[in-house]
Amino acid sequence: MTTAEGSIIYEPKGIDDLAKFLKANKEIYHEIWVVLIKKASANPQPVSFSEAVAEAIAQGLVDSRTKTLDDIRYAVRFTKRKVKKA
């Protein structure tokens, strides 16, 4: 599912699925919103917040904000790291 131009929303089925998706799409989209399930709603979760952040960092992305979608889901926004100029 896509949102505004340069943005996409994705609900991963597992950590391997998320890793493949981020690798394939991190250069295509300015921001990637990853939909996660709240801890209280699913045990086990398909992907936890900490797993999603760790995978994003490994792909050169950073998390910047979260947004509640409904009672059981929320989304985390990932964008490319900004390169510091010397």
C-alpha atoms as a PDB file:
ATOM      1  CA  MET A   1       0.000   0.000   0.000  1.00  0.00           C
ATOM      2  CA  THR A   2       1.371   3.423  -0.893  1.00  0.00           C
ATOM      3  CA  THR A   3       0.639   6.842   0.558  1.00  0.00           C
ATOM      4  CA  ALA A   4       1.953  10.166  -0.699  1.00  0.00           C
ATOM      5  CA  GLU A   5       4.554  10.155  -3.440  1.00  0.00           C
ATOM      6  CA  GLY A   6       7.834   8.855  -2.088  1.00  0.00           C
ATOM      7  CA  SER A   7       6.151   7.096   0.813  1.00  0.00           C
ATOM      8  CA  ILE A   8       4.943   3.534   1.374  1.00  0.00           C
ATOM      9  CA  ILE A   9       3.224   1.604   4.147  1.00  0.00           C
ATOM     10  CA  TYR A  10       4.234  -2.035   4.637  1.00  0.00           C
ATOM     11  CA  GLU A  11       3.056  -4.731   7.051  1.00  0.00           C
ATOM     12  CA  PRO A  12       5.747  -7.448   7.283  1.00  0.00           C
ATOM     13  CA  LYS A  13       4.947 -11.101   7.873  1.00  0.00           C
ATOM     14  CA  GLY A  14       8.225 -11.671   9.721  1.00  0.00           C
ATOM     15  CA  ILE A  15      11.735 -10.288  10.188  1.00  0.00           C
ATOM     16  CA  ASP A  16      13.103 -11.943   7.021  1.00  0.00           C
ATOM     17  CA  ASP A  17      10.229 -10.457   5.032  1.00  0.00           C
ATOM     18  CA  LEU A  18      10.972  -7.018   6.485  1.00  0.00           C
ATOM     19  CA  ALA A  19      14.697  -7.327   5.721  1.00  0.00           C
ATOM     20  CA  LYS A  20      14.014  -8.188   2.058  1.00  0.00           C
ATOM     21  CA  PHE A  21      11.479  -5.385   1.732  1.00  0.00           C
ATOM     22  CA  LEU A  22      13.736  -2.710   3.224  1.00  0.00           C
ATOM     23  CA  LYS A  23      16.690  -3.786   1.095  1.00  0.00           C
ATOM     24  CA  ALA A  24      14.610  -3.690  -2.100  1.00  0.00           C
ATOM     25  CA  ASN A  25      12.828  -0.396  -1.360  1.00  0.00           C
ATOM     26  CA  LYS A  26      15.098   1.856   0.712  1.00  0.00           C
ATOM     27  CA  GLU A  27      16.387   3.661  -2.394  1.00  0.00           C
ATOM     28  CA  ILE A  28      12.959   3.933  -4.038  1.00  0.00           C
ATOM     29  CA  TYR A  29      10.973   5.612  -1.262  1.00  0.00           C
ATOM     30  CA  HIS A  30      11.789   8.670   0.841  1.00  0.00           C
ATOM     31  CA  GLU A  31       9.990   7.177   3.823  1.00  0.00           C
ATOM     32  CA  ILE A  32       8.840   3.686   4.713  1.00  0.00           C
ATOM     33  CA  TRP A  33       6.105   3.218   7.310  1.00  0.00           C
ATOM     34  CA  VAL A  34       6.305  -0.267   8.825  1.00  0.00           C
ATOM     35  CA  VAL A  35       3.111  -1.534  10.438  1.00  0.00           C
ATOM     36  CA  LEU A  36       3.650  -3.469  13.671  1.00  0.00           C
ATOM     37  CA  ILE A  37       1.304  -5.266  16.045  1.00  0.00           C
ATOM     38  CA  LYS A  38       1.129  -4.071  19.657  1.00  0.00           C
ATOM     39  CA  LYS A  39       2.591  -6.513  22.210  1.00  0.00           C
ATOM     40  CA  ALA A  40      -0.713  -7.014  23.998  1.00  0.00           C
ATOM     41  CA  SER A  41      -2.469  -7.954  20.734  1.00  0.00           C
ATOM     42  CA  ALA A  42      -0.261 -10.750  19.403  1.00  0.00           C
ATOM     43  CA  ASN A  43       1.961 -13.281  21.050  1.00  0.00           C
ATOM     44  CA  PRO A  44       4.284 -13.816  19.355  1.00  0.00           C
ATOM     45  CA  GLN A  45       4.420 -10.666  17.252  1.00  0.00           C
ATOM     46  CA  PRO A  46       5.350 -11.120  13.560  1.00  0.00           C
ATOM     47  CA  VAL A  47       8.040  -8.415  14.068  1.00  0.00           C
ATOM     48  CA  SER A  48       8.795  -6.553  17.291  1.00  0.00           C
ATOM     49  CA  PHE A  49       9.662  -2.872  17.468  1.00  0.00           C
ATOM     50  CA  SER A  50      13.261  -3.629  18.491  1.00  0.00           C
ATOM     51  CA  GLU A  51      13.694  -6.125  15.631  1.00  0.00           C
ATOM     52  CA  ALA A  52      12.318  -3.604  13.124  1.00  0.00           C
ATOM     53  CA  VAL A  53      14.629  -0.834  14.377  1.00  0.00           C
ATOM     54  CA  ALA A  54      17.681  -3.133  14.367  1.00  0.00           C
ATOM     55  CA  GLU A  55      16.973  -4.236  10.794  1.00  0.00           C
ATOM     56  CA  ALA A  56      16.376  -0.661   9.645  1.00  0.00           C
ATOM     57  CA  ILE A  57      19.673   0.482  11.174  1.00  0.00           C
ATOM     58  CA  ALA A  58      21.447  -2.398   9.420  1.00  0.00           C
ATOM     59  CA  GLN A  59      19.950  -1.094   6.148  1.00  0.00           C
ATOM     60  CA  GLY A  60      21.094   2.496   6.804  1.00  0.00           C
ATOM     61  CA  LEU A  61      17.705   3.759   7.925  1.00  0.00           C
ATOM     62  CA  VAL A  62      16.597   5.467  11.124  1.00  0.00           C
ATOM     63  CA  ASP A  63      13.246   5.607  12.907  1.00  0.00           C
ATOM     64  CA  SER A  64      11.777   9.001  13.584  1.00  0.00           C
ATOM     65  CA  ARG A  65       8.188   8.692  14.756  1.00  0.00           C
ATOM     66  CA  THR A  66       5.341   6.314  15.435  1.00  0.00           C
ATOM     67  CA  LYS A  67       1.657   6.621  14.675  1.00  0.00           C
ATOM     68  CA  THR A  68      -1.237   4.642  16.156  1.00  0.00           C
ATOM     69  CA  LEU A  69      -3.381   3.072  13.435  1.00  0.00           C
ATOM     70  CA  ASP A  70      -6.012   1.276  15.523  1.00  0.00           C
ATOM     71  CA  ASP A  71      -6.381  -0.717  18.744  1.00  0.00           C
ATOM     72  CA  ILE A  72      -3.881  -3.403  17.701  1.00  0.00           C
ATOM     73  CA  ARG A  73      -1.575  -1.794  15.126  1.00  0.00           C
ATOM     74  CA  TYR A  74       0.841   1.110  14.910  1.00  0.00           C
ATOM     75  CA  ALA A  75       3.308   2.282  12.276  1.00  0.00           C
ATOM     76  CA  VAL A  76       6.950   3.309  12.585  1.00  0.00           C
ATOM     77  CA  ARG A  77       8.455   5.756  10.082  1.00  0.00           C
ATOM     78  CA  PHE A  78      11.907   4.935   8.691  1.00  0.00           C
ATOM     79  CA  THR A  79      13.979   7.249   6.514  1.00  0.00           C
ATOM     80  CA  LYS A  80      17.531   7.290   5.178  1.00  0.00           C
ATOM     81  CA  ARG A  81      20.235   8.564   7.462  1.00  0.00           C
ATOM     82  CA  LYS A  82      21.432  12.029   6.568  1.00  0.00           C
ATOM     83  CA  VAL A  83      25.087  12.188   5.649  1.00  0.00           C
ATOM     84  CA  LYS A  84      26.996  14.687   7.769  1.00  0.00           C
ATOM     85  CA  LYS A  85      29.119  17.096   5.777  1.00  0.00           C
ATOM     86  CA  ALA A  86      32.669  17.599   6.981  1.00  0.00           C
END
